[in-house]
Amino acid sequence: MLIIILIICIIIINILAFIVMGVDKDRAKRRERRVPERSLFMFAVIGGSLGIYAGMKTFRHKTKHKSFTIGIPLIFIAQLTVVVFILLSS
C-alpha cells in the first residue's frame, strides 16, 4: 500500500512540475513575474524531474540554460539509480 501511495505522489509531483514549466513559459512571454529557477529545481529534486524535463521539451523552455539541460537529466538519472538500488537490495 505504501508503494502505491508513493507512486501516486510521484505522478502528482510530475504533473505539477510540468504545469509549472508551462506557467513559467507563459509568464516569460508576457514579461510577468517568473517562477524562480530554484523552485523549478526543487520540483525536480523532490521527484518531478521527469515533469520538468517534459515541460522543457514541450514548451521549449529553459533549453538554452546549461544548468537545466544538464542538471535535470542528471537529477533524473540519480533518482533512477537510487530506485534501482533500492529495488535490487530488497
N, C-alpha and C. Protein backbone atom coordinates (compact mmCIF):
# COMPACT_ATOMS: atom_id res chain seq x y z
N MET A 1 0.82 -1.20 0.00
CA MET A 1 0.00 0.00 0.00
C MET A 1 0.86 1.26 0.00
N LEU A 2 1.96 1.24 0.75
CA LEU A 2 2.86 2.39 0.81
C LEU A 2 3.46 2.68 -0.57
N ILE A 3 3.79 1.65 -1.31
CA ILE A 3 4.35 1.82 -2.65
C ILE A 3 3.34 2.52 -3.56
N ILE A 4 2.09 2.14 -3.47
CA ILE A 4 1.05 2.75 -4.31
C ILE A 4 0.91 4.23 -3.99
N ILE A 5 0.91 4.56 -2.70
CA ILE A 5 0.82 5.97 -2.29
C ILE A 5 2.02 6.75 -2.80
N LEU A 6 3.20 6.17 -2.71
CA LEU A 6 4.42 6.83 -3.19
C LEU A 6 4.36 7.05 -4.71
N ILE A 7 3.90 6.08 -5.45
CA ILE A 7 3.78 6.21 -6.90
C ILE A 7 2.79 7.30 -7.26
N ILE A 8 1.66 7.35 -6.56
CA ILE A 8 0.66 8.39 -6.81
C ILE A 8 1.24 9.77 -6.52
N CYS A 9 2.00 9.91 -5.44
CA CYS A 9 2.63 11.18 -5.10
C CYS A 9 3.63 11.61 -6.18
N ILE A 10 4.42 10.68 -6.67
CA ILE A 10 5.40 10.98 -7.72
C ILE A 10 4.69 11.43 -8.99
N ILE A 11 3.61 10.77 -9.34
CA ILE A 11 2.83 11.15 -10.53
C ILE A 11 2.28 12.56 -10.37
N ILE A 12 1.73 12.86 -9.21
CA ILE A 12 1.17 14.20 -8.96
C ILE A 12 2.26 15.26 -9.01
N ILE A 13 3.41 14.99 -8.41
CA ILE A 13 4.53 15.95 -8.43
C ILE A 13 4.97 16.22 -9.87
N ASN A 14 5.06 15.16 -10.67
CA ASN A 14 5.49 15.34 -12.06
C ASN A 14 4.46 16.12 -12.88
N ILE A 15 3.19 15.90 -12.65
CA ILE A 15 2.16 16.66 -13.34
C ILE A 15 2.25 18.13 -12.94
N LEU A 16 2.40 18.39 -11.64
CA LEU A 16 2.54 19.77 -11.17
C LEU A 16 3.79 20.44 -11.73
N ALA A 17 4.89 19.71 -11.78
CA ALA A 17 6.13 20.26 -12.32
C ALA A 17 5.96 20.63 -13.79
N PHE A 18 5.30 19.77 -14.55
CA PHE A 18 5.03 20.04 -15.96
C PHE A 18 4.19 21.31 -16.11
N ILE A 19 3.14 21.42 -15.29
CA ILE A 19 2.26 22.59 -15.36
C ILE A 19 3.03 23.87 -14.99
N VAL A 20 3.86 23.79 -13.95
CA VAL A 20 4.64 24.96 -13.53
C VAL A 20 5.59 25.42 -14.65
N MET A 21 6.17 24.48 -15.38
CA MET A 21 7.03 24.86 -16.51
C MET A 21 6.21 25.61 -17.56
N GLY A 22 5.01 25.14 -17.83
CA GLY A 22 4.14 25.81 -18.79
C GLY A 22 3.74 27.20 -18.32
N VAL A 23 3.42 27.32 -17.04
CA VAL A 23 3.05 28.62 -16.47
C VAL A 23 4.24 29.58 -16.56
N ASP A 24 5.44 29.09 -16.23
CA ASP A 24 6.63 29.95 -16.29
C ASP A 24 6.91 30.40 -17.72
N LYS A 25 6.74 29.52 -18.68
CA LYS A 25 6.94 29.90 -20.08
C LYS A 25 5.94 30.98 -20.49
N ASP A 26 4.68 30.81 -20.08
CA ASP A 26 3.66 31.80 -20.40
C ASP A 26 3.99 33.15 -19.76
N ARG A 27 4.44 33.11 -18.52
CA ARG A 27 4.82 34.35 -17.84
C ARG A 27 6.02 35.00 -18.51
N ALA A 28 6.94 34.20 -19.01
CA ALA A 28 8.11 34.74 -19.71
C ALA A 28 7.68 35.48 -20.98
N LYS A 29 6.74 34.90 -21.70
CA LYS A 29 6.25 35.54 -22.92
C LYS A 29 5.56 36.87 -22.61
N ARG A 30 4.85 36.91 -21.48
CA ARG A 30 4.10 38.12 -21.11
C ARG A 30 4.94 39.11 -20.32
N ARG A 31 6.20 38.76 -20.07
CA ARG A 31 7.11 39.58 -19.28
C ARG A 31 6.54 39.87 -17.89
N GLU A 32 5.97 38.83 -17.29
CA GLU A 32 5.43 38.92 -15.94
C GLU A 32 6.41 38.30 -14.95
N ARG A 33 6.05 38.37 -13.68
CA ARG A 33 6.89 37.78 -12.64
C ARG A 33 7.00 36.27 -12.85
N ARG A 34 8.23 35.77 -12.80
CA ARG A 34 8.53 34.39 -13.16
C ARG A 34 8.61 33.48 -11.95
N VAL A 35 8.54 32.20 -12.22
CA VAL A 35 8.78 31.17 -11.20
C VAL A 35 10.29 31.09 -11.01
N PRO A 36 10.77 31.21 -9.77
CA PRO A 36 12.23 31.15 -9.55
C PRO A 36 12.82 29.81 -10.01
N GLU A 37 14.02 29.88 -10.58
CA GLU A 37 14.69 28.65 -11.03
C GLU A 37 14.89 27.69 -9.86
N ARG A 38 15.12 28.24 -8.69
CA ARG A 38 15.29 27.40 -7.51
C ARG A 38 14.05 26.53 -7.28
N SER A 39 12.88 27.11 -7.49
CA SER A 39 11.63 26.36 -7.32
C SER A 39 11.52 25.25 -8.35
N LEU A 40 11.92 25.53 -9.58
CA LEU A 40 11.87 24.51 -10.63
C LEU A 40 12.81 23.36 -10.29
N PHE A 41 13.99 23.68 -9.79
CA PHE A 41 14.93 22.63 -9.39
C PHE A 41 14.42 21.85 -8.17
N MET A 42 13.72 22.53 -7.28
CA MET A 42 13.17 21.82 -6.11
C MET A 42 12.11 20.82 -6.55
N PHE A 43 11.29 21.19 -7.53
CA PHE A 43 10.32 20.24 -8.07
C PHE A 43 11.06 19.00 -8.58
N ALA A 44 12.17 19.23 -9.29
CA ALA A 44 12.94 18.11 -9.84
C ALA A 44 13.52 17.24 -8.72
N VAL A 45 14.08 17.87 -7.71
CA VAL A 45 14.73 17.14 -6.63
C VAL A 45 13.73 16.30 -5.83
N ILE A 46 12.51 16.80 -5.63
CA ILE A 46 11.54 16.04 -4.83
C ILE A 46 10.80 14.98 -5.64
N GLY A 47 11.23 14.77 -6.88
CA GLY A 47 10.66 13.68 -7.67
C GLY A 47 10.01 14.10 -8.97
N GLY A 48 10.04 15.39 -9.29
CA GLY A 48 9.39 15.87 -10.50
C GLY A 48 10.33 16.11 -11.66
N SER A 49 11.47 15.45 -11.67
CA SER A 49 12.46 15.70 -12.72
C SER A 49 11.93 15.33 -14.10
N LEU A 50 11.16 14.27 -14.19
CA LEU A 50 10.59 13.87 -15.48
C LEU A 50 9.58 14.92 -15.96
N GLY A 51 8.78 15.47 -15.06
CA GLY A 51 7.82 16.51 -15.41
C GLY A 51 8.50 17.79 -15.86
N ILE A 52 9.58 18.17 -15.17
CA ILE A 52 10.35 19.35 -15.56
C ILE A 52 10.97 19.13 -16.94
N TYR A 53 11.55 17.96 -17.15
CA TYR A 53 12.17 17.66 -18.44
C TYR A 53 11.14 17.65 -19.57
N ALA A 54 10.00 17.04 -19.31
CA ALA A 54 8.93 17.04 -20.33
C ALA A 54 8.45 18.46 -20.62
N GLY A 55 8.37 19.28 -19.58
CA GLY A 55 8.00 20.68 -19.76
C GLY A 55 9.03 21.44 -20.56
N MET A 56 10.30 21.15 -20.33
CA MET A 56 11.37 21.80 -21.11
C MET A 56 11.19 21.49 -22.59
N LYS A 57 10.95 20.24 -22.90
CA LYS A 57 10.83 19.83 -24.30
C LYS A 57 9.52 20.30 -24.92
N THR A 58 8.43 20.18 -24.19
CA THR A 58 7.11 20.54 -24.73
C THR A 58 6.99 22.05 -24.97
N PHE A 59 7.40 22.84 -23.97
CA PHE A 59 7.22 24.28 -24.06
C PHE A 59 8.45 25.01 -24.60
N ARG A 60 9.50 24.25 -24.91
CA ARG A 60 10.78 24.82 -25.35
C ARG A 60 11.22 25.91 -24.37
N HIS A 61 11.27 25.51 -23.12
CA HIS A 61 11.56 26.45 -22.04
C HIS A 61 12.79 26.01 -21.28
N LYS A 62 13.68 26.94 -21.03
CA LYS A 62 14.94 26.71 -20.31
C LYS A 62 15.89 25.78 -21.07
N THR A 63 15.70 25.66 -22.36
CA THR A 63 16.52 24.74 -23.14
C THR A 63 17.89 25.31 -23.48
N LYS A 64 18.10 26.60 -23.25
CA LYS A 64 19.42 27.20 -23.50
C LYS A 64 20.22 27.36 -22.22
N HIS A 65 19.64 26.94 -21.11
CA HIS A 65 20.32 27.04 -19.83
C HIS A 65 21.03 25.71 -19.54
N LYS A 66 22.36 25.75 -19.48
CA LYS A 66 23.13 24.53 -19.22
C LYS A 66 22.75 23.90 -17.89
N SER A 67 22.41 24.74 -16.91
CA SER A 67 22.04 24.18 -15.61
C SER A 67 20.80 23.31 -15.72
N PHE A 68 19.92 23.60 -16.66
CA PHE A 68 18.72 22.79 -16.86
C PHE A 68 18.97 21.64 -17.82
N THR A 69 19.64 21.91 -18.94
CA THR A 69 19.84 20.86 -19.95
C THR A 69 20.75 19.75 -19.44
N ILE A 70 21.62 20.08 -18.51
CA ILE A 70 22.50 19.06 -17.93
C ILE A 70 21.98 18.63 -16.55
N GLY A 71 21.57 19.59 -15.74
CA GLY A 71 21.18 19.33 -14.37
C GLY A 71 19.95 18.46 -14.21
N ILE A 72 18.91 18.75 -14.96
CA ILE A 72 17.66 18.00 -14.82
C ILE A 72 17.85 16.52 -15.21
N PRO A 73 18.47 16.23 -16.36
CA PRO A 73 18.73 14.81 -16.66
C PRO A 73 19.61 14.12 -15.61
N LEU A 74 20.59 14.84 -15.05
CA LEU A 74 21.43 14.25 -14.01
C LEU A 74 20.63 13.94 -12.75
N ILE A 75 19.73 14.83 -12.39
CA ILE A 75 18.86 14.57 -11.23
C ILE A 75 18.01 13.34 -11.49
N PHE A 76 17.45 13.24 -12.70
CA PHE A 76 16.62 12.09 -13.04
C PHE A 76 17.43 10.79 -12.98
N ILE A 77 18.62 10.80 -13.53
CA ILE A 77 19.48 9.61 -13.51
C ILE A 77 19.82 9.22 -12.08
N ALA A 78 20.12 10.21 -11.24
CA ALA A 78 20.43 9.93 -9.83
C ALA A 78 19.22 9.30 -9.13
N GLN A 79 18.04 9.85 -9.38
CA GLN A 79 16.82 9.31 -8.77
C GLN A 79 16.55 7.89 -9.26
N LEU A 80 16.73 7.68 -10.54
CA LEU A 80 16.53 6.34 -11.11
C LEU A 80 17.52 5.35 -10.52
N THR A 81 18.74 5.77 -10.35
CA THR A 81 19.78 4.91 -9.76
C THR A 81 19.41 4.51 -8.34
N VAL A 82 18.92 5.47 -7.56
CA VAL A 82 18.51 5.18 -6.18
C VAL A 82 17.35 4.18 -6.16
N VAL A 83 16.39 4.36 -7.05
CA VAL A 83 15.23 3.45 -7.11
C VAL A 83 15.69 2.04 -7.48
N VAL A 84 16.54 1.92 -8.48
CA VAL A 84 17.04 0.62 -8.90
C VAL A 84 17.84 -0.03 -7.77
N PHE A 85 18.67 0.73 -7.11
CA PHE A 85 19.45 0.21 -5.99
C PHE A 85 18.54 -0.32 -4.89
N ILE A 86 17.51 0.45 -4.55
CA ILE A 86 16.56 0.02 -3.51
C ILE A 86 15.83 -1.26 -3.93
N LEU A 87 15.41 -1.31 -5.18
CA LEU A 87 14.68 -2.50 -5.65
C LEU A 87 15.57 -3.74 -5.68
N LEU A 88 16.83 -3.56 -6.07
CA LEU A 88 17.74 -4.69 -6.12
C LEU A 88 18.20 -5.15 -4.74
N SER A 89 18.25 -4.25 -3.78
CA SER A 89 18.72 -4.63 -2.44
C SER A 89 17.61 -5.20 -1.55
N SER A 90 16.37 -5.11 -2.01
CA SER A 90 15.29 -5.64 -1.16
C SER A 90 14.93 -7.06 -1.49
